[in-house]
Amino acid sequence: MTLKRFYTILSAMILINLLYGPLVRATDSGLACPDWPLCHGKFVPEFTFQIFMEVGHRYYSGILGILVGIGFVWILRSPETRKTLGIPASLSLLFLISQVILGGLTVTKLLHPTTVNLHLLNAVLLLSSCITIRLLLSEENRSLFVWNQDGKYYFAIVLLAVLYQLFLGGKVSSHYAGLACPDFPTCHGEWFPEMVGTIRFHMEHRIFGYLTALLVLSLAAYSILTLENAKVKQFLKFAAYLISIQIFLGAMNVLYHLPKLVTGLHTLNGVLVFLFCYMAAFYHFRKPNQEVR
């Protein structure tokens, strides 16, 4: 197996885990095992559905951790890959360690909202570091990194907005605010309800979601009208499609009272929006290889 194929598979597996984790949350399985790293003091406990979900998530995450470690050692063994991929590989290991710590704290702190939110964001950063390695492996001149300054603040603002929107979504979930507003697009029949209690978390997520959608759609339009890089345009078109799906999934979550699969897909789709924006930024900030001298 090549290193390129290895990181393709690893990135896909991490993405699957970003669906698995929210499903653990959606099925109220997060505290099915009250201890960590064991479950009821056992490595293989007696399984109920919720214990199966929680322990399965732990086992799967453990496999991912081993694979991230293998990739890190693989990259460091070769002077060439160590020089060109050493930084993102080191970041992937750092994010892996922090993810393990946050996973343990999520259980021992009884699903404390801040820990849960950081656990999600850290997983997105781990995926981003592995995706970066995969993208660099596709570049013939990956050691030559020439910044393209056009629209750099625009891309940075969109990436930060999408990442913050994922954080707000985590706050809604961790504060059990998904049904604080039982209707859509209004909240208890009001466009601007009183921002108190869980309604505040819910409405912050909605309002900033609309802003994030406008930013992603406007960046896609900007790329189509002004940029030349075909990959940037393609990735941002996908992001624009996905942000539309995201709004639809959010509405379905409210109107159908948080169906478990829809809840998981809502988180996964949000991560995909970030991922496509990130890949667009990656290629936008790199001048084409033929321009590098």
C-alpha atoms as a PDB file:
ATOM      1  CA  MET A   1       0.000   0.000   0.000  1.00  0.00           C
ATOM      2  CA  THR A   2       1.242   3.485  -0.865  1.00  0.00           C
ATOM      3  CA  LEU A   3       1.314   6.324   1.654  1.00  0.00           C
ATOM      4  CA  LYS A   4      -1.165   8.220  -0.516  1.00  0.00           C
ATOM      5  CA  ARG A   5      -3.696   5.380  -0.433  1.00  0.00           C
ATOM      6  CA  PHE A   6      -3.107   4.907   3.297  1.00  0.00           C
ATOM      7  CA  TYR A   7      -4.096   8.512   4.059  1.00  0.00           C
ATOM      8  CA  THR A   8      -7.052   8.313   1.687  1.00  0.00           C
ATOM      9  CA  ILE A   9      -8.431   5.367   3.656  1.00  0.00           C
ATOM     10  CA  LEU A  10      -7.513   6.908   7.023  1.00  0.00           C
ATOM     11  CA  SER A  11      -9.254  10.200   6.183  1.00  0.00           C
ATOM     12  CA  ALA A  12     -12.374   8.323   5.067  1.00  0.00           C
ATOM     13  CA  MET A  13     -12.377   6.314   8.300  1.00  0.00           C
ATOM     14  CA  ILE A  14     -12.082   9.466  10.427  1.00  0.00           C
ATOM     15  CA  LEU A  15     -14.979  10.966   8.479  1.00  0.00           C
ATOM     16  CA  ILE A  16     -17.092   7.893   9.268  1.00  0.00           C
ATOM     17  CA  ASN A  17     -16.227   8.349  12.943  1.00  0.00           C
ATOM     18  CA  LEU A  18     -17.582  11.887  12.723  1.00  0.00           C
ATOM     19  CA  LEU A  19     -20.939  10.274  11.982  1.00  0.00           C
ATOM     20  CA  TYR A  20     -20.520   7.536  14.591  1.00  0.00           C
ATOM     21  CA  GLY A  21     -19.782   9.988  17.419  1.00  0.00           C
ATOM     22  CA  PRO A  22     -22.962  12.065  16.941  1.00  0.00           C
ATOM     23  CA  LEU A  23     -24.983   8.831  16.717  1.00  0.00           C
ATOM     24  CA  VAL A  24     -23.621   7.846  20.139  1.00  0.00           C
ATOM     25  CA  ARG A  25     -24.876  11.192  21.383  1.00  0.00           C
ATOM     26  CA  ALA A  26     -28.226  10.952  19.569  1.00  0.00           C
ATOM     27  CA  THR A  27     -28.956   7.518  21.067  1.00  0.00           C
ATOM     28  CA  ASP A  28     -28.112   8.745  24.599  1.00  0.00           C
ATOM     29  CA  SER A  29     -25.252   6.253  24.748  1.00  0.00           C
ATOM     30  CA  GLY A  30     -22.548   8.670  25.875  1.00  0.00           C
ATOM     31  CA  LEU A  31     -22.679   7.532  29.512  1.00  0.00           C
ATOM     32  CA  ALA A  32     -23.609   3.906  28.877  1.00  0.00           C
ATOM     33  CA  CYS A  33     -20.119   3.218  30.200  1.00  0.00           C
ATOM     34  CA  PRO A  34     -19.649   5.366  33.330  1.00  0.00           C
ATOM     35  CA  ASP A  35     -15.911   4.650  33.532  1.00  0.00           C
ATOM     36  CA  TRP A  36     -12.970   5.074  31.147  1.00  0.00           C
ATOM     37  CA  PRO A  37     -11.073   3.459  29.438  1.00  0.00           C
ATOM     38  CA  LEU A  38     -12.874   0.307  30.608  1.00  0.00           C
ATOM     39  CA  CYS A  39     -16.642  -0.124  30.580  1.00  0.00           C
ATOM     40  CA  HIS A  40     -18.148  -1.194  33.908  1.00  0.00           C
ATOM     41  CA  GLY A  41     -14.640  -2.333  34.786  1.00  0.00           C
ATOM     42  CA  LYS A  42     -14.394  -4.650  31.764  1.00  0.00           C
ATOM     43  CA  PHE A  43     -12.646  -4.465  28.413  1.00  0.00           C
ATOM     44  CA  VAL A  44     -15.505  -6.456  26.858  1.00  0.00           C
ATOM     45  CA  PRO A  45     -18.647  -5.739  28.916  1.00  0.00           C
ATOM     46  CA  GLU A  46     -22.064  -7.322  28.678  1.00  0.00           C
ATOM     47  CA  PHE A  47     -23.639  -5.584  25.731  1.00  0.00           C
ATOM     48  CA  THR A  48     -26.853  -3.640  25.539  1.00  0.00           C
ATOM     49  CA  PHE A  49     -27.561  -1.457  22.505  1.00  0.00           C
ATOM     50  CA  GLN A  50     -26.261   1.680  24.236  1.00  0.00           C
ATOM     51  CA  ILE A  51     -23.147  -0.058  25.555  1.00  0.00           C
ATOM     52  CA  PHE A  52     -22.572  -1.466  22.072  1.00  0.00           C
ATOM     53  CA  MET A  53     -22.728   2.055  20.605  1.00  0.00           C
ATOM     54  CA  GLU A  54     -20.372   3.542  23.191  1.00  0.00           C
ATOM     55  CA  VAL A  55     -17.846   0.700  23.287  1.00  0.00           C
ATOM     56  CA  GLY A  56     -17.965   0.320  19.502  1.00  0.00           C
ATOM     57  CA  HIS A  57     -17.100   3.999  19.193  1.00  0.00           C
ATOM     58  CA  ARG A  58     -14.183   3.533  21.573  1.00  0.00           C
ATOM     59  CA  TYR A  59     -12.858   0.467  19.717  1.00  0.00           C
ATOM     60  CA  TYR A  60     -13.192   2.175  16.341  1.00  0.00           C
ATOM     61  CA  SER A  61     -11.485   5.308  17.650  1.00  0.00           C
ATOM     62  CA  GLY A  62      -8.709   3.125  19.060  1.00  0.00           C
ATOM     63  CA  ILE A  63      -8.114   1.603  15.617  1.00  0.00           C
ATOM     64  CA  LEU A  64      -7.951   5.100  14.135  1.00  0.00           C
ATOM     65  CA  GLY A  65      -5.420   6.095  16.793  1.00  0.00           C
ATOM     66  CA  ILE A  66      -3.179   3.178  15.872  1.00  0.00           C
ATOM     67  CA  LEU A  67      -3.419   4.084  12.182  1.00  0.00           C
ATOM     68  CA  VAL A  68      -2.552   7.739  12.847  1.00  0.00           C
ATOM     69  CA  GLY A  69       0.499   6.546  14.791  1.00  0.00           C
ATOM     70  CA  ILE A  70       1.516   4.210  11.948  1.00  0.00           C
ATOM     71  CA  GLY A  71       1.205   7.069   9.445  1.00  0.00           C
ATOM     72  CA  PHE A  72       3.323   9.318  11.662  1.00  0.00           C
ATOM     73  CA  VAL A  73       6.124   6.731  11.906  1.00  0.00           C
ATOM     74  CA  TRP A  74       5.864   5.962   8.166  1.00  0.00           C
ATOM     75  CA  ILE A  75       6.354   9.637   7.296  1.00  0.00           C
ATOM     76  CA  LEU A  76       9.248  10.151   9.730  1.00  0.00           C
ATOM     77  CA  ARG A  77      11.168   7.101   8.466  1.00  0.00           C
ATOM     78  CA  SER A  78      11.918   8.743   5.106  1.00  0.00           C
ATOM     79  CA  PRO A  79      13.957  11.978   4.949  1.00  0.00           C
ATOM     80  CA  GLU A  80      11.918  13.154   1.942  1.00  0.00           C
ATOM     81  CA  THR A  81       8.494  12.669   3.490  1.00  0.00           C
ATOM     82  CA  ARG A  82       9.769  13.878   6.863  1.00  0.00           C
ATOM     83  CA  LYS A  83      10.837  17.166   5.265  1.00  0.00           C
ATOM     84  CA  THR A  84       7.635  17.783   3.311  1.00  0.00           C
ATOM     85  CA  LEU A  85       5.006  16.132   5.527  1.00  0.00           C
ATOM     86  CA  GLY A  86       6.573  16.268   8.984  1.00  0.00           C
ATOM     87  CA  ILE A  87       4.559  19.278  10.207  1.00  0.00           C
ATOM     88  CA  PRO A  88       1.049  18.005   9.344  1.00  0.00           C
ATOM     89  CA  ALA A  89       2.039  14.511  10.541  1.00  0.00           C
ATOM     90  CA  SER A  90       3.159  15.949  13.882  1.00  0.00           C
ATOM     91  CA  LEU A  91      -0.074  17.918  14.112  1.00  0.00           C
ATOM     92  CA  SER A  92      -2.085  14.752  13.460  1.00  0.00           C
ATOM     93  CA  LEU A  93      -0.303  13.050  16.354  1.00  0.00           C
ATOM     94  CA  LEU A  94      -0.870  16.073  18.594  1.00  0.00           C
ATOM     95  CA  PHE A  95      -4.585  16.160  17.733  1.00  0.00           C
ATOM     96  CA  LEU A  96      -4.780  12.399  18.327  1.00  0.00           C
ATOM     97  CA  ILE A  97      -3.344  12.748  21.844  1.00  0.00           C
ATOM     98  CA  SER A  98      -5.695  15.621  22.685  1.00  0.00           C
ATOM     99  CA  GLN A  99      -8.621  13.641  21.228  1.00  0.00           C
ATOM    100  CA  VAL A 100      -7.888  10.702  23.527  1.00  0.00           C
ATOM    101  CA  ILE A 101      -7.691  13.041  26.525  1.00  0.00           C
ATOM    102  CA  LEU A 102     -10.933  14.793  25.554  1.00  0.00           C
ATOM    103  CA  GLY A 103     -12.638  11.445  24.999  1.00  0.00           C
ATOM    104  CA  GLY A 104     -11.764  10.368  28.518  1.00  0.00           C
ATOM    105  CA  LEU A 105     -12.842  13.718  29.957  1.00  0.00           C
ATOM    106  CA  THR A 106     -16.146  13.520  28.087  1.00  0.00           C
ATOM    107  CA  VAL A 107     -16.999  10.431  30.159  1.00  0.00           C
ATOM    108  CA  THR A 108     -15.413  11.378  33.483  1.00  0.00           C
ATOM    109  CA  LYS A 109     -16.882  14.902  33.353  1.00  0.00           C
ATOM    110  CA  LEU A 110     -20.332  13.419  32.639  1.00  0.00           C
ATOM    111  CA  LEU A 111     -20.705  14.929  29.151  1.00  0.00           C
ATOM    112  CA  HIS A 112     -19.795  18.451  30.208  1.00  0.00           C
ATOM    113  CA  PRO A 113     -20.842  20.712  27.286  1.00  0.00           C
ATOM    114  CA  THR A 114     -17.439  22.374  26.832  1.00  0.00           C
ATOM    115  CA  THR A 115     -15.639  19.032  26.743  1.00  0.00           C
ATOM    116  CA  VAL A 116     -18.146  17.589  24.270  1.00  0.00           C
ATOM    117  CA  ASN A 117     -17.781  20.614  21.965  1.00  0.00           C
ATOM    118  CA  LEU A 118     -13.986  20.544  22.080  1.00  0.00           C
ATOM    119  CA  HIS A 119     -14.057  16.803  21.392  1.00  0.00           C
ATOM    120  CA  LEU A 120     -15.945  17.464  18.146  1.00  0.00           C
ATOM    121  CA  LEU A 121     -13.771  20.377  17.024  1.00  0.00           C
ATOM    122  CA  ASN A 122     -10.577  18.478  17.791  1.00  0.00           C
ATOM    123  CA  ALA A 123     -11.810  15.563  15.653  1.00  0.00           C
ATOM    124  CA  VAL A 124     -12.352  17.996  12.767  1.00  0.00           C
ATOM    125  CA  LEU A 125      -8.801  19.305  13.201  1.00  0.00           C
ATOM    126  CA  LEU A 126      -7.443  15.745  13.248  1.00  0.00           C
ATOM    127  CA  LEU A 127      -9.272  15.048   9.995  1.00  0.00           C
ATOM    128  CA  SER A 128      -7.959  18.300   8.504  1.00  0.00           C
ATOM    129  CA  SER A 129      -4.353  17.384   9.289  1.00  0.00           C
ATOM    130  CA  CYS A 130      -4.745  13.976   7.634  1.00  0.00           C
ATOM    131  CA  ILE A 131      -6.494  15.535   4.630  1.00  0.00           C
ATOM    132  CA  THR A 132      -3.603  17.994   4.347  1.00  0.00           C
ATOM    133  CA  ILE A 133      -1.136  15.106   4.142  1.00  0.00           C
ATOM    134  CA  ARG A 134      -3.297  13.411   1.518  1.00  0.00           C
ATOM    135  CA  LEU A 135      -3.505  16.586  -0.583  1.00  0.00           C
ATOM    136  CA  LEU A 136       0.227  17.227  -0.328  1.00  0.00           C
ATOM    137  CA  LEU A 137       0.905  13.687  -1.505  1.00  0.00           C
ATOM    138  CA  SER A 138      -0.998  14.554  -4.696  1.00  0.00           C
ATOM    139  CA  GLU A 139       1.273  17.519  -5.387  1.00  0.00           C
ATOM    140  CA  GLU A 140       4.374  16.856  -7.497  1.00  0.00           C
ATOM    141  CA  ASN A 141       6.180  19.876  -6.063  1.00  0.00           C
ATOM    142  CA  ARG A 142       4.792  19.619  -2.560  1.00  0.00           C
ATOM    143  CA  SER A 143       7.971  21.009  -1.002  1.00  0.00           C
ATOM    144  CA  LEU A 144       7.443  24.292  -2.902  1.00  0.00           C
ATOM    145  CA  PHE A 145       4.655  26.205  -1.210  1.00  0.00           C
ATOM    146  CA  VAL A 146       3.983  29.598  -2.796  1.00  0.00           C
ATOM    147  CA  TRP A 147       1.207  31.671  -1.222  1.00  0.00           C
ATOM    148  CA  ASN A 148      -1.519  33.087  -3.410  1.00  0.00           C
ATOM    149  CA  GLN A 149      -2.624  36.318  -1.731  1.00  0.00           C
ATOM    150  CA  ASP A 150      -5.883  36.905  -3.651  1.00  0.00           C
ATOM    151  CA  GLY A 151      -8.931  36.656  -1.406  1.00  0.00           C
ATOM    152  CA  LYS A 152      -6.964  35.206   1.504  1.00  0.00           C
ATOM    153  CA  TYR A 153      -9.078  36.984   4.139  1.00  0.00           C
ATOM    154  CA  TYR A 154     -12.283  35.889   2.423  1.00  0.00           C
ATOM    155  CA  PHE A 155     -11.276  32.223   2.616  1.00  0.00           C
ATOM    156  CA  ALA A 156     -10.058  32.583   6.201  1.00  0.00           C
ATOM    157  CA  ILE A 157     -13.322  34.207   7.333  1.00  0.00           C
ATOM    158  CA  VAL A 158     -15.420  31.472   5.698  1.00  0.00           C
ATOM    159  CA  LEU A 159     -13.351  28.675   7.252  1.00  0.00           C
ATOM    160  CA  LEU A 160     -13.560  30.235  10.714  1.00  0.00           C
ATOM    161  CA  ALA A 161     -17.300  30.828  10.297  1.00  0.00           C
ATOM    162  CA  VAL A 162     -17.990  27.199   9.340  1.00  0.00           C
ATOM    163  CA  LEU A 163     -15.820  25.945  12.196  1.00  0.00           C
ATOM    164  CA  TYR A 164     -17.594  28.225  14.674  1.00  0.00           C
ATOM    165  CA  GLN A 165     -20.960  27.069  13.348  1.00  0.00           C
ATOM    166  CA  LEU A 166     -19.918  23.474  14.089  1.00  0.00           C
ATOM    167  CA  PHE A 167     -19.050  24.628  17.603  1.00  0.00           C
ATOM    168  CA  LEU A 168     -22.492  26.233  17.982  1.00  0.00           C
ATOM    169  CA  GLY A 169     -24.104  23.018  16.755  1.00  0.00           C
ATOM    170  CA  GLY A 170     -22.188  21.164  19.433  1.00  0.00           C
ATOM    171  CA  LYS A 171     -23.516  23.612  22.034  1.00  0.00           C
ATOM    172  CA  VAL A 172     -27.084  22.926  20.912  1.00  0.00           C
ATOM    173  CA  SER A 173     -26.522  19.194  21.242  1.00  0.00           C
ATOM    174  CA  SER A 174     -24.607  19.280  24.528  1.00  0.00           C
ATOM    175  CA  HIS A 175     -27.210  21.583  26.124  1.00  0.00           C
ATOM    176  CA  TYR A 176     -30.104  19.467  24.784  1.00  0.00           C
ATOM    177  CA  ALA A 177     -31.465  22.520  22.973  1.00  0.00           C
ATOM    178  CA  GLY A 178     -32.358  20.806  19.693  1.00  0.00           C
ATOM    179  CA  LEU A 179     -36.094  21.119  20.344  1.00  0.00           C
ATOM    180  CA  ALA A 180     -36.026  24.382  22.308  1.00  0.00           C
ATOM    181  CA  CYS A 181     -37.725  25.809  19.217  1.00  0.00           C
ATOM    182  CA  PRO A 182     -40.269  23.188  18.079  1.00  0.00           C
ATOM    183  CA  ASP A 183     -41.110  24.943  14.797  1.00  0.00           C
ATOM    184  CA  PHE A 184     -39.178  26.169  11.757  1.00  0.00           C
ATOM    185  CA  PRO A 185     -38.281  28.757  10.531  1.00  0.00           C
ATOM    186  CA  THR A 186     -39.918  30.588  13.445  1.00  0.00           C
ATOM    187  CA  CYS A 187     -39.428  29.747  17.123  1.00  0.00           C
ATOM    188  CA  HIS A 188     -42.664  29.283  19.051  1.00  0.00           C
ATOM    189  CA  GLY A 189     -44.278  31.255  16.245  1.00  0.00           C
ATOM    190  CA  GLU A 190     -41.889  34.203  16.626  1.00  0.00           C
ATOM    191  CA  TRP A 191     -39.100  35.312  14.315  1.00  0.00           C
ATOM    192  CA  PHE A 192     -37.205  36.931  17.183  1.00  0.00           C
ATOM    193  CA  PRO A 193     -38.031  35.082  20.408  1.00  0.00           C
ATOM    194  CA  GLU A 194     -36.653  36.063  23.791  1.00  0.00           C
ATOM    195  CA  MET A 195     -33.082  34.764  23.976  1.00  0.00           C
ATOM    196  CA  VAL A 196     -33.241  32.912  27.281  1.00  0.00           C
ATOM    197  CA  GLY A 197     -32.258  29.410  28.398  1.00  0.00           C
ATOM    198  CA  THR A 198     -31.900  26.765  25.716  1.00  0.00           C
ATOM    199  CA  ILE A 199     -33.724  28.958  23.202  1.00  0.00           C
ATOM    200  CA  ARG A 200     -30.627  31.162  23.126  1.00  0.00           C
ATOM    201  CA  PHE A 201     -28.360  28.238  22.142  1.00  0.00           C
ATOM    202  CA  HIS A 202     -30.833  27.113  19.492  1.00  0.00           C
ATOM    203  CA  MET A 203     -31.378  30.554  17.960  1.00  0.00           C
ATOM    204  CA  GLU A 204     -27.660  31.425  17.989  1.00  0.00           C
ATOM    205  CA  HIS A 205     -27.059  28.305  15.931  1.00  0.00           C
ATOM    206  CA  ARG A 206     -29.859  29.146  13.513  1.00  0.00           C
ATOM    207  CA  ILE A 207     -28.968  32.806  13.005  1.00  0.00           C
ATOM    208  CA  PHE A 208     -25.258  32.200  12.610  1.00  0.00           C
ATOM    209  CA  GLY A 209     -26.115  29.278  10.311  1.00  0.00           C
ATOM    210  CA  TYR A 210     -27.870  31.662   7.929  1.00  0.00           C
ATOM    211  CA  LEU A 211     -24.843  33.960   8.009  1.00  0.00           C
ATOM    212  CA  THR A 212     -22.493  31.041   7.378  1.00  0.00           C
ATOM    213  CA  ALA A 213     -24.622  29.873   4.453  1.00  0.00           C
ATOM    214  CA  LEU A 214     -24.464  33.344   2.900  1.00  0.00           C
ATOM    215  CA  LEU A 215     -20.681  33.417   3.335  1.00  0.00           C
ATOM    216  CA  VAL A 216     -20.186  29.995   1.728  1.00  0.00           C
ATOM    217  CA  LEU A 217     -22.547  30.790  -1.161  1.00  0.00           C
ATOM    218  CA  SER A 218     -20.927  34.184  -1.764  1.00  0.00           C
ATOM    219  CA  LEU A 219     -17.437  32.630  -1.728  1.00  0.00           C
ATOM    220  CA  ALA A 220     -18.609  30.046  -4.270  1.00  0.00           C
ATOM    221  CA  ALA A 221     -19.986  32.839  -6.472  1.00  0.00           C
ATOM    222  CA  TYR A 222     -16.726  34.787  -6.065  1.00  0.00           C
ATOM    223  CA  SER A 223     -14.690  31.770  -7.156  1.00  0.00           C
ATOM    224  CA  ILE A 224     -16.864  31.107 -10.201  1.00  0.00           C
ATOM    225  CA  LEU A 225     -16.754  34.737 -11.355  1.00  0.00           C
ATOM    226  CA  THR A 226     -13.166  35.715 -10.592  1.00  0.00           C
ATOM    227  CA  LEU A 227     -10.898  32.714  -9.962  1.00  0.00           C
ATOM    228  CA  GLU A 228      -9.241  30.474 -12.532  1.00  0.00           C
ATOM    229  CA  ASN A 229      -8.330  27.380 -10.520  1.00  0.00           C
ATOM    230  CA  ALA A 230     -10.805  24.669 -11.571  1.00  0.00           C
ATOM    231  CA  LYS A 231     -10.295  22.654  -8.364  1.00  0.00           C
ATOM    232  CA  VAL A 232     -11.139  25.640  -6.172  1.00  0.00           C
ATOM    233  CA  LYS A 233     -14.321  26.246  -8.138  1.00  0.00           C
ATOM    234  CA  GLN A 234     -15.313  22.575  -7.993  1.00  0.00           C
ATOM    235  CA  PHE A 235     -14.800  22.245  -4.236  1.00  0.00           C
ATOM    236  CA  LEU A 236     -16.707  25.453  -3.502  1.00  0.00           C
ATOM    237  CA  LYS A 237     -19.590  24.351  -5.725  1.00  0.00           C
ATOM    238  CA  PHE A 238     -19.822  21.177  -3.634  1.00  0.00           C
ATOM    239  CA  ALA A 239     -19.712  23.288  -0.461  1.00  0.00           C
ATOM    240  CA  ALA A 240     -22.572  25.425  -1.788  1.00  0.00           C
ATOM    241  CA  TYR A 241     -24.672  22.328  -2.511  1.00  0.00           C
ATOM    242  CA  LEU A 242     -23.890  20.896   0.920  1.00  0.00           C
ATOM    243  CA  ILE A 243     -24.774  24.105   2.780  1.00  0.00           C
ATOM    244  CA  SER A 244     -28.220  23.958   1.146  1.00  0.00           C
ATOM    245  CA  ILE A 245     -28.599  20.343   2.278  1.00  0.00           C
ATOM    246  CA  GLN A 246     -27.460  21.408   5.753  1.00  0.00           C
ATOM    247  CA  ILE A 247     -30.323  23.875   6.099  1.00  0.00           C
ATOM    248  CA  PHE A 248     -32.754  21.175   4.977  1.00  0.00           C
ATOM    249  CA  LEU A 249     -31.372  18.666   7.508  1.00  0.00           C
ATOM    250  CA  GLY A 250     -31.579  21.277  10.262  1.00  0.00           C
ATOM    251  CA  ALA A 251     -35.241  21.893   9.459  1.00  0.00           C
ATOM    252  CA  MET A 252     -35.941  18.142   9.424  1.00  0.00           C
ATOM    253  CA  ASN A 253     -34.301  17.810  12.835  1.00  0.00           C
ATOM    254  CA  VAL A 254     -36.765  20.300  14.285  1.00  0.00           C
ATOM    255  CA  LEU A 255     -39.920  19.314  12.418  1.00  0.00           C
ATOM    256  CA  TYR A 256     -39.469  15.574  13.011  1.00  0.00           C
ATOM    257  CA  HIS A 257     -38.150  15.866  16.589  1.00  0.00           C
ATOM    258  CA  LEU A 258     -34.483  14.932  16.157  1.00  0.00           C
ATOM    259  CA  PRO A 259     -34.508  11.642  14.210  1.00  0.00           C
ATOM    260  CA  LYS A 260     -31.292   9.901  15.201  1.00  0.00           C
ATOM    261  CA  LEU A 261     -29.935   9.331  11.704  1.00  0.00           C
ATOM    262  CA  VAL A 262     -30.822  12.861  10.568  1.00  0.00           C
ATOM    263  CA  THR A 263     -29.079  14.268  13.653  1.00  0.00           C
ATOM    264  CA  GLY A 264     -25.920  12.330  12.818  1.00  0.00           C
ATOM    265  CA  LEU A 265     -26.072  13.307   9.139  1.00  0.00           C
ATOM    266  CA  HIS A 266     -26.535  16.966  10.113  1.00  0.00           C
ATOM    267  CA  THR A 267     -23.202  16.912  11.955  1.00  0.00           C
ATOM    268  CA  LEU A 268     -21.453  14.909   9.227  1.00  0.00           C
ATOM    269  CA  ASN A 269     -22.740  17.215   6.490  1.00  0.00           C
ATOM    270  CA  GLY A 270     -21.531  20.242   8.450  1.00  0.00           C
ATOM    271  CA  VAL A 271     -18.073  18.685   8.634  1.00  0.00           C
ATOM    272  CA  LEU A 272     -18.183  18.076   4.869  1.00  0.00           C
ATOM    273  CA  VAL A 273     -18.988  21.755   4.276  1.00  0.00           C
ATOM    274  CA  PHE A 274     -15.877  22.675   6.255  1.00  0.00           C
ATOM    275  CA  LEU A 275     -13.837  20.009   4.483  1.00  0.00           C
ATOM    276  CA  PHE A 276     -14.700  21.195   0.970  1.00  0.00           C
ATOM    277  CA  CYS A 277     -14.063  24.822   1.924  1.00  0.00           C
ATOM    278  CA  TYR A 278     -10.742  23.754   3.427  1.00  0.00           C
ATOM    279  CA  MET A 279      -9.702  21.834   0.299  1.00  0.00           C
ATOM    280  CA  ALA A 280     -10.700  24.821  -1.850  1.00  0.00           C
ATOM    281  CA  ALA A 281      -8.533  27.062   0.334  1.00  0.00           C
ATOM    282  CA  PHE A 282      -5.660  24.574   0.115  1.00  0.00           C
ATOM    283  CA  TYR A 283      -5.588  24.743  -3.660  1.00  0.00           C
ATOM    284  CA  HIS A 284      -6.323  28.463  -3.774  1.00  0.00           C
ATOM    285  CA  PHE A 285      -3.352  29.253  -1.551  1.00  0.00           C
ATOM    286  CA  ARG A 286      -1.042  27.242  -3.807  1.00  0.00           C
ATOM    287  CA  LYS A 287      -0.072  28.541  -7.201  1.00  0.00           C
ATOM    288  CA  PRO A 288      -0.207  25.890  -9.967  1.00  0.00           C
ATOM    289  CA  ASN A 289       2.945  23.767 -10.177  1.00  0.00           C
ATOM    290  CA  GLN A 290       3.822  25.049 -13.629  1.00  0.00           C
ATOM    291  CA  GLU A 291       4.087  28.589 -12.215  1.00  0.00           C
ATOM    292  CA  VAL A 292       6.661  27.534  -9.594  1.00  0.00           C
ATOM    293  CA  ARG A 293      10.254  28.143 -10.710  1.00  0.00           C
END
